[in-house]
């Protein structure tokens, strides 16, 4: 069995870490990008839902205002 010197072990560890980093960095970057896209999509859906509720409220208020304008006033 070959005995490795401390320097050789350290060099092998550095090489291994470098290769792992080269392989993992693109995967982590892609995962972060995907997570950001999902978050932005959910935010858009939430905003659209929020705006839609306000539009419904505005339509109801306009109908109510229109109905109130048709009520005859008595003196």
PDB file of N, CA and C in Angstrom:
ATOM      1  N   UNK A   1       0.844  -1.175   0.000  1.00  0.00           N
ATOM      2  CA  UNK A   1       0.000   0.000   0.000  1.00  0.00           C
ATOM      3  C   UNK A   1       0.891   1.239   0.000  1.00  0.00           C
ATOM      4  N   UNK A   2       0.514   2.147  -0.848  1.00  0.00           N
ATOM      5  CA  UNK A   2       1.312   3.363  -0.991  1.00  0.00           C
ATOM      6  C   UNK A   2       0.933   4.360   0.091  1.00  0.00           C
ATOM      7  N   UNK A   3       1.914   4.958   0.661  1.00  0.00           N
ATOM      8  CA  UNK A   3       1.684   5.966   1.688  1.00  0.00           C
ATOM      9  C   UNK A   3       1.827   7.334   1.033  1.00  0.00           C
ATOM     10  N   UNK A   4       0.794   8.140   1.170  1.00  0.00           N
ATOM     11  CA  UNK A   4       0.820   9.474   0.574  1.00  0.00           C
ATOM     12  C   UNK A   4       1.326  10.482   1.590  1.00  0.00           C
ATOM     13  N   UNK A   5       2.102  11.361   1.091  1.00  0.00           N
ATOM     14  CA  UNK A   5       2.570  12.437   1.964  1.00  0.00           C
ATOM     15  C   UNK A   5       1.444  13.448   2.173  1.00  0.00           C
ATOM     16  N   UNK A   6       1.573  14.218   3.217  1.00  0.00           N
ATOM     17  CA  UNK A   6       0.548  15.204   3.549  1.00  0.00           C
ATOM     18  C   UNK A   6       0.321  16.171   2.398  1.00  0.00           C
ATOM     19  N   UNK A   7       1.378  16.591   1.736  1.00  0.00           N
ATOM     20  CA  UNK A   7       1.252  17.516   0.601  1.00  0.00           C
ATOM     21  C   UNK A   7       0.458  16.886  -0.536  1.00  0.00           C
ATOM     22  N   UNK A   8       0.705  15.606  -0.786  1.00  0.00           N
ATOM     23  CA  UNK A   8      -0.021  14.920  -1.853  1.00  0.00           C
ATOM     24  C   UNK A   8      -1.505  14.799  -1.506  1.00  0.00           C
ATOM     25  N   UNK A   9      -1.785  14.504  -0.261  1.00  0.00           N
ATOM     26  CA  UNK A   9      -3.181  14.404   0.182  1.00  0.00           C
ATOM     27  C   UNK A   9      -3.872  15.753   0.032  1.00  0.00           C
ATOM     28  N   UNK A  10      -3.195  16.808   0.456  1.00  0.00           N
ATOM     29  CA  UNK A  10      -3.775  18.141   0.327  1.00  0.00           C
ATOM     30  C   UNK A  10      -4.020  18.497  -1.136  1.00  0.00           C
ATOM     31  N   UNK A  11      -3.088  18.143  -2.000  1.00  0.00           N
ATOM     32  CA  UNK A  11      -3.247  18.431  -3.431  1.00  0.00           C
ATOM     33  C   UNK A  11      -4.430  17.659  -4.017  1.00  0.00           C
ATOM     34  N   UNK A  12      -4.555  16.392  -3.634  1.00  0.00           N
ATOM     35  CA  UNK A  12      -5.688  15.588  -4.103  1.00  0.00           C
ATOM     36  C   UNK A  12      -7.016  16.166  -3.605  1.00  0.00           C
ATOM     37  N   UNK A  13      -7.046  16.601  -2.355  1.00  0.00           N
ATOM     38  CA  UNK A  13      -8.265  17.210  -1.813  1.00  0.00           C
ATOM     39  C   UNK A  13      -8.611  18.494  -2.556  1.00  0.00           C
ATOM     40  N   UNK A  14      -7.620  19.318  -2.839  1.00  0.00           N
ATOM     41  CA  UNK A  14      -7.863  20.559  -3.579  1.00  0.00           C
ATOM     42  C   UNK A  14      -8.392  20.271  -4.977  1.00  0.00           C
ATOM     43  N   UNK A  15      -7.791  19.281  -5.643  1.00  0.00           N
ATOM     44  CA  UNK A  15      -8.257  18.907  -6.984  1.00  0.00           C
ATOM     45  C   UNK A  15      -9.700  18.410  -6.941  1.00  0.00           C
ATOM     46  N   UNK A  16      -9.985  17.575  -5.959  1.00  0.00           N
ATOM     47  CA  UNK A  16     -11.341  17.050  -5.817  1.00  0.00           C
ATOM     48  C   UNK A  16     -12.339  18.179  -5.560  1.00  0.00           C
ATOM     49  N   UNK A  17     -11.997  19.086  -4.663  1.00  0.00           N
ATOM     50  CA  UNK A  17     -12.883  20.216  -4.366  1.00  0.00           C
ATOM     51  C   UNK A  17     -13.088  21.104  -5.588  1.00  0.00           C
ATOM     52  N   UNK A  18     -12.037  21.330  -6.344  1.00  0.00           N
ATOM     53  CA  UNK A  18     -12.137  22.159  -7.552  1.00  0.00           C
ATOM     54  C   UNK A  18     -13.080  21.509  -8.572  1.00  0.00           C
ATOM     55  N   UNK A  19     -12.926  20.195  -8.762  1.00  0.00           N
ATOM     56  CA  UNK A  19     -13.800  19.493  -9.722  1.00  0.00           C
ATOM     57  C   UNK A  19     -15.253  19.517  -9.257  1.00  0.00           C
ATOM     58  N   UNK A  20     -15.453  19.307  -7.963  1.00  0.00           N
ATOM     59  CA  UNK A  20     -16.821  19.367  -7.435  1.00  0.00           C
ATOM     60  C   UNK A  20     -17.426  20.751  -7.626  1.00  0.00           C
ATOM     61  N   UNK A  21     -16.640  21.768  -7.352  1.00  0.00           N
ATOM     62  CA  UNK A  21     -17.123  23.140  -7.525  1.00  0.00           C
ATOM     63  C   UNK A  21     -17.469  23.413  -8.985  1.00  0.00           C
ATOM     64  N   UNK A  22     -16.633  22.939  -9.907  1.00  0.00           N
ATOM     65  CA  UNK A  22     -16.898  23.145 -11.336  1.00  0.00           C
ATOM     66  C   UNK A  22     -18.189  22.471 -11.764  1.00  0.00           C
ATOM     67  N   UNK A  23     -18.493  21.316 -11.180  1.00  0.00           N
ATOM     68  CA  UNK A  23     -19.716  20.598 -11.546  1.00  0.00           C
ATOM     69  C   UNK A  23     -20.944  21.158 -10.837  1.00  0.00           C
ATOM     70  N   UNK A  24     -20.767  21.555  -9.575  1.00  0.00           N
ATOM     71  CA  UNK A  24     -21.925  21.984  -8.794  1.00  0.00           C
ATOM     72  C   UNK A  24     -22.337  23.428  -9.044  1.00  0.00           C
ATOM     73  N   UNK A  25     -21.385  24.292  -9.351  1.00  0.00           N
ATOM     74  CA  UNK A  25     -21.712  25.712  -9.534  1.00  0.00           C
ATOM     75  C   UNK A  25     -22.793  25.926 -10.590  1.00  0.00           C
ATOM     76  N   UNK A  26     -22.666  25.332 -11.795  1.00  0.00           N
ATOM     77  CA  UNK A  26     -23.739  25.539 -12.780  1.00  0.00           C
ATOM     78  C   UNK A  26     -25.086  24.985 -12.309  1.00  0.00           C
ATOM     79  N   UNK A  27     -25.052  23.873 -11.576  1.00  0.00           N
ATOM     80  CA  UNK A  27     -26.311  23.304 -11.083  1.00  0.00           C
ATOM     81  C   UNK A  27     -26.975  24.228 -10.065  1.00  0.00           C
ATOM     82  N   UNK A  28     -26.179  24.785  -9.171  1.00  0.00           N
ATOM     83  CA  UNK A  28     -26.718  25.704  -8.161  1.00  0.00           C
ATOM     84  C   UNK A  28     -27.238  26.975  -8.825  1.00  0.00           C
ATOM     85  N   UNK A  29     -26.491  27.489  -9.810  1.00  0.00           N
ATOM     86  CA  UNK A  29     -26.936  28.693 -10.517  1.00  0.00           C
ATOM     87  C   UNK A  29     -28.248  28.436 -11.246  1.00  0.00           C
ATOM     88  N   UNK A  30     -28.360  27.279 -11.881  1.00  0.00           N
ATOM     89  CA  UNK A  30     -29.595  26.937 -12.598  1.00  0.00           C
ATOM     90  C   UNK A  30     -30.758  26.805 -11.611  1.00  0.00           C
ATOM     91  N   UNK A  31     -30.511  26.149 -10.482  1.00  0.00           N
ATOM     92  CA  UNK A  31     -31.562  25.984  -9.473  1.00  0.00           C
ATOM     93  C   UNK A  31     -32.009  27.338  -8.925  1.00  0.00           C
ATOM     94  N   UNK A  32     -31.061  28.236  -8.699  1.00  0.00           N
ATOM     95  CA  UNK A  32     -31.407  29.574  -8.204  1.00  0.00           C
ATOM     96  C   UNK A  32     -32.229  30.329  -9.241  1.00  0.00           C
ATOM     97  N   UNK A  33     -31.847  30.213 -10.503  1.00  0.00           N
ATOM     98  CA  UNK A  33     -32.605  30.866 -11.571  1.00  0.00           C
ATOM     99  C   UNK A  33     -34.014  30.319 -11.668  1.00  0.00           C
ATOM    100  N   UNK A  34     -34.140  28.992 -11.578  1.00  0.00           N
ATOM    101  CA  UNK A  34     -35.465  28.374 -11.623  1.00  0.00           C
ATOM    102  C   UNK A  34     -36.324  28.826 -10.445  1.00  0.00           C
ATOM    103  N   UNK A  35     -35.729  28.886  -9.262  1.00  0.00           N
ATOM    104  CA  UNK A  35     -36.476  29.322  -8.076  1.00  0.00           C
ATOM    105  C   UNK A  35     -36.935  30.769  -8.235  1.00  0.00           C
ATOM    106  N   UNK A  36     -36.074  31.612  -8.801  1.00  0.00           N
ATOM    107  CA  UNK A  36     -36.444  33.020  -9.013  1.00  0.00           C
ATOM    108  C   UNK A  36     -37.587  33.129 -10.016  1.00  0.00           C
ATOM    109  N   UNK A  37     -37.543  32.326 -11.080  1.00  0.00           N
ATOM    110  CA  UNK A  37     -38.625  32.352 -12.073  1.00  0.00           C
ATOM    111  C   UNK A  37     -39.944  31.923 -11.446  1.00  0.00           C
ATOM    112  N   UNK A  38     -39.897  30.886 -10.620  1.00  0.00           N
ATOM    113  CA  UNK A  38     -41.119  30.409  -9.962  1.00  0.00           C
ATOM    114  C   UNK A  38     -41.669  31.486  -9.027  1.00  0.00           C
ATOM    115  N   UNK A  39     -40.787  32.122  -8.267  1.00  0.00           N
ATOM    116  CA  UNK A  39     -41.227  33.172  -7.340  1.00  0.00           C
ATOM    117  C   UNK A  39     -41.838  34.348  -8.103  1.00  0.00           C
ATOM    118  N   UNK A  40     -41.220  34.755  -9.203  1.00  0.00           N
ATOM    119  CA  UNK A  40     -41.749  35.873  -9.988  1.00  0.00           C
ATOM    120  C   UNK A  40     -43.096  35.504 -10.615  1.00  0.00           C
ATOM    121  N   UNK A  41     -43.226  34.269 -11.078  1.00  0.00           N
ATOM    122  CA  UNK A  41     -44.494  33.828 -11.660  1.00  0.00           C
ATOM    123  C   UNK A  41     -45.598  33.869 -10.592  1.00  0.00           C
ATOM    124  N   UNK A  42     -45.297  33.382  -9.397  1.00  0.00           N
ATOM    125  CA  UNK A  42     -46.285  33.401  -8.322  1.00  0.00           C
ATOM    126  C   UNK A  42     -46.649  34.833  -7.942  1.00  0.00           C
ATOM    127  N   UNK A  43     -45.658  35.714  -7.919  1.00  0.00           N
ATOM    128  CA  UNK A  43     -45.921  37.124  -7.615  1.00  0.00           C
ATOM    129  C   UNK A  43     -46.841  37.740  -8.665  1.00  0.00           C
ATOM    130  N   UNK A  44     -46.582  37.440  -9.954  1.00  0.00           N
ATOM    131  CA  UNK A  44     -47.460  37.951 -11.018  1.00  0.00           C
ATOM    132  C   UNK A  44     -48.885  37.450 -10.835  1.00  0.00           C
ATOM    133  N   UNK A  45     -49.029  36.159 -10.519  1.00  0.00           N
ATOM    134  CA  UNK A  45     -50.371  35.613 -10.311  1.00  0.00           C
ATOM    135  C   UNK A  45     -51.065  36.292  -9.130  1.00  0.00           C
ATOM    136  N   UNK A  46     -50.326  36.501  -8.042  1.00  0.00           N
ATOM    137  CA  UNK A  46     -50.902  37.168  -6.871  1.00  0.00           C
ATOM    138  C   UNK A  46     -51.326  38.596  -7.203  1.00  0.00           C
ATOM    139  N   UNK A  47     -50.485  39.316  -7.939  1.00  0.00           N
ATOM    140  CA  UNK A  47     -50.824  40.695  -8.313  1.00  0.00           C
ATOM    141  C   UNK A  47     -52.040  40.738  -9.229  1.00  0.00           C
ATOM    142  N   UNK A  48     -52.093  39.816 -10.193  1.00  0.00           N
ATOM    143  CA  UNK A  48     -53.245  39.779 -11.100  1.00  0.00           C
ATOM    144  C   UNK A  48     -54.525  39.491 -10.321  1.00  0.00           C
ATOM    145  N   UNK A  49     -54.452  38.584  -9.356  1.00  0.00           N
ATOM    146  CA  UNK A  49     -55.613  38.266  -8.530  1.00  0.00           C
ATOM    147  C   UNK A  49     -56.029  39.480  -7.704  1.00  0.00           C
ATOM    148  N   UNK A  50     -55.061  40.167  -7.154  1.00  0.00           N
ATOM    149  CA  UNK A  50     -55.340  41.362  -6.352  1.00  0.00           C
ATOM    150  C   UNK A  50     -55.999  42.446  -7.210  1.00  0.00           C
ATOM    151  N   UNK A  51     -55.443  42.686  -8.388  1.00  0.00           N
ATOM    152  CA  UNK A  51     -56.009  43.690  -9.304  1.00  0.00           C
ATOM    153  C   UNK A  51     -57.417  43.294  -9.718  1.00  0.00           C
ATOM    154  N   UNK A  52     -57.620  42.016  -9.990  1.00  0.00           N
ATOM    155  CA  UNK A  52     -58.933  41.529 -10.398  1.00  0.00           C
ATOM    156  C   UNK A  52     -59.974  41.800  -9.314  1.00  0.00           C
ATOM    157  N   UNK A  53     -59.591  41.581  -8.056  1.00  0.00           N
ATOM    158  CA  UNK A  53     -60.539  41.858  -6.963  1.00  0.00           C
ATOM    159  C   UNK A  53     -60.888  43.336  -6.908  1.00  0.00           C
ATOM    160  N   UNK A  54     -59.903  44.201  -7.129  1.00  0.00           N
ATOM    161  CA  UNK A  54     -60.183  45.641  -7.135  1.00  0.00           C
ATOM    162  C   UNK A  54     -61.081  46.006  -8.313  1.00  0.00           C
ATOM    163  N   UNK A  55     -60.843  45.389  -9.467  1.00  0.00           N
ATOM    164  CA  UNK A  55     -61.694  45.672 -10.627  1.00  0.00           C
ATOM    165  C   UNK A  55     -63.124  45.244 -10.351  1.00  0.00           C
ATOM    166  N   UNK A  56     -63.308  44.099  -9.705  1.00  0.00           N
ATOM    167  CA  UNK A  56     -64.659  43.650  -9.343  1.00  0.00           C
ATOM    168  C   UNK A  56     -65.318  44.646  -8.392  1.00  0.00           C
ATOM    169  N   UNK A  57     -64.569  45.128  -7.432  1.00  0.00           N
ATOM    170  CA  UNK A  57     -65.107  46.115  -6.482  1.00  0.00           C
ATOM    171  C   UNK A  57     -65.493  47.396  -7.203  1.00  0.00           C
ATOM    172  N   UNK A  58     -64.658  47.857  -8.114  1.00  0.00           N
ATOM    173  CA  UNK A  58     -64.951  49.082  -8.880  1.00  0.00           C
ATOM    174  C   UNK A  58     -66.217  48.892  -9.709  1.00  0.00           C
ATOM    175  N   UNK A  59     -66.365  47.727 -10.356  1.00  0.00           N
ATOM    176  CA  UNK A  59     -67.579  47.463 -11.150  1.00  0.00           C
ATOM    177  C   UNK A  59     -68.822  47.478 -10.258  1.00  0.00           C
ATOM    178  N   UNK A  60     -68.734  46.858  -9.087  1.00  0.00           N
ATOM    179  CA  UNK A  60     -69.883  46.845  -8.160  1.00  0.00           C
ATOM    180  C   UNK A  60     -70.237  48.257  -7.715  1.00  0.00           C
ATOM    181  N   UNK A  61     -69.216  49.050  -7.403  1.00  0.00           N
ATOM    182  CA  UNK A  61     -69.473  50.427  -6.978  1.00  0.00           C
ATOM    183  C   UNK A  61     -70.107  51.240  -8.095  1.00  0.00           C
ATOM    184  N   UNK A  62     -69.675  51.038  -9.326  1.00  0.00           N
ATOM    185  CA  UNK A  62     -70.268  51.771 -10.454  1.00  0.00           C
ATOM    186  C   UNK A  62     -71.725  51.372 -10.643  1.00  0.00           C
ATOM    187  N   UNK A  63     -72.024  50.071 -10.500  1.00  0.00           N
ATOM    188  CA  UNK A  63     -73.414  49.625 -10.626  1.00  0.00           C
ATOM    189  C   UNK A  63     -74.265  50.222  -9.503  1.00  0.00           C
ATOM    190  N   UNK A  64     -73.708  50.247  -8.299  1.00  0.00           N
ATOM    191  CA  UNK A  64     -74.435  50.824  -7.164  1.00  0.00           C
ATOM    192  C   UNK A  64     -74.675  52.307  -7.387  1.00  0.00           C
ATOM    193  N   UNK A  65     -73.651  53.005  -7.865  1.00  0.00           N
ATOM    194  CA  UNK A  65     -73.790  54.440  -8.133  1.00  0.00           C
ATOM    195  C   UNK A  65     -74.836  54.678  -9.214  1.00  0.00           C
ATOM    196  N   UNK A  66     -74.800  53.839 -10.250  1.00  0.00           N
ATOM    197  CA  UNK A  66     -75.779  53.979 -11.327  1.00  0.00           C
ATOM    198  C   UNK A  66     -77.187  53.736 -10.794  1.00  0.00           C
ATOM    199  N   UNK A  67     -77.339  52.728  -9.950  1.00  0.00           N
ATOM    200  CA  UNK A  67     -78.658  52.436  -9.376  1.00  0.00           C
ATOM    201  C   UNK A  67     -79.119  53.583  -8.484  1.00  0.00           C
ATOM    202  N   UNK A  68     -78.202  54.146  -7.723  1.00  0.00           N
ATOM    203  CA  UNK A  68     -78.572  55.266  -6.848  1.00  0.00           C
ATOM    204  C   UNK A  68     -79.012  56.474  -7.660  1.00  0.00           C
ATOM    205  N   UNK A  69     -78.421  56.667  -8.822  1.00  0.00           N
ATOM    206  CA  UNK A  69     -78.786  57.802  -9.666  1.00  0.00           C
ATOM    207  C   UNK A  69     -80.182  57.640 -10.256  1.00  0.00           C
ATOM    208  N   UNK A  70     -80.702  56.417 -10.272  1.00  0.00           N
ATOM    209  CA  UNK A  70     -82.038  56.184 -10.825  1.00  0.00           C
ATOM    210  C   UNK A  70     -83.137  56.230  -9.764  1.00  0.00           C
ATOM    211  N   UNK A  71     -82.753  56.394  -8.528  1.00  0.00           N
ATOM    212  CA  UNK A  71     -83.755  56.487  -7.461  1.00  0.00           C
ATOM    213  C   UNK A  71     -84.293  57.917  -7.460  1.00  0.00           C
ATOM    214  N   UNK A  72     -85.614  58.032  -7.603  1.00  0.00           N
ATOM    215  CA  UNK A  72     -86.178  59.389  -7.613  1.00  0.00           C
ATOM    216  C   UNK A  72     -86.048  60.040  -6.237  1.00  0.00           C
ATOM    217  N   UNK A  73     -85.766  61.291  -6.278  1.00  0.00           N
ATOM    218  CA  UNK A  73     -85.667  62.040  -5.016  1.00  0.00           C
ATOM    219  C   UNK A  73     -87.026  62.647  -4.718  1.00  0.00           C
ATOM    220  N   UNK A  74     -87.420  62.555  -3.489  1.00  0.00           N
ATOM    221  CA  UNK A  74     -88.708  63.138  -3.085  1.00  0.00           C
ATOM    222  C   UNK A  74     -88.437  64.346  -2.214  1.00  0.00           C
ATOM    223  N   UNK A  75     -89.299  65.341  -2.389  1.00  0.00           N
ATOM    224  CA  UNK A  75     -89.146  66.565  -1.598  1.00  0.00           C
ATOM    225  C   UNK A  75     -90.314  66.771  -0.723  1.00  0.00           C
TER     226      UNK A  75
END
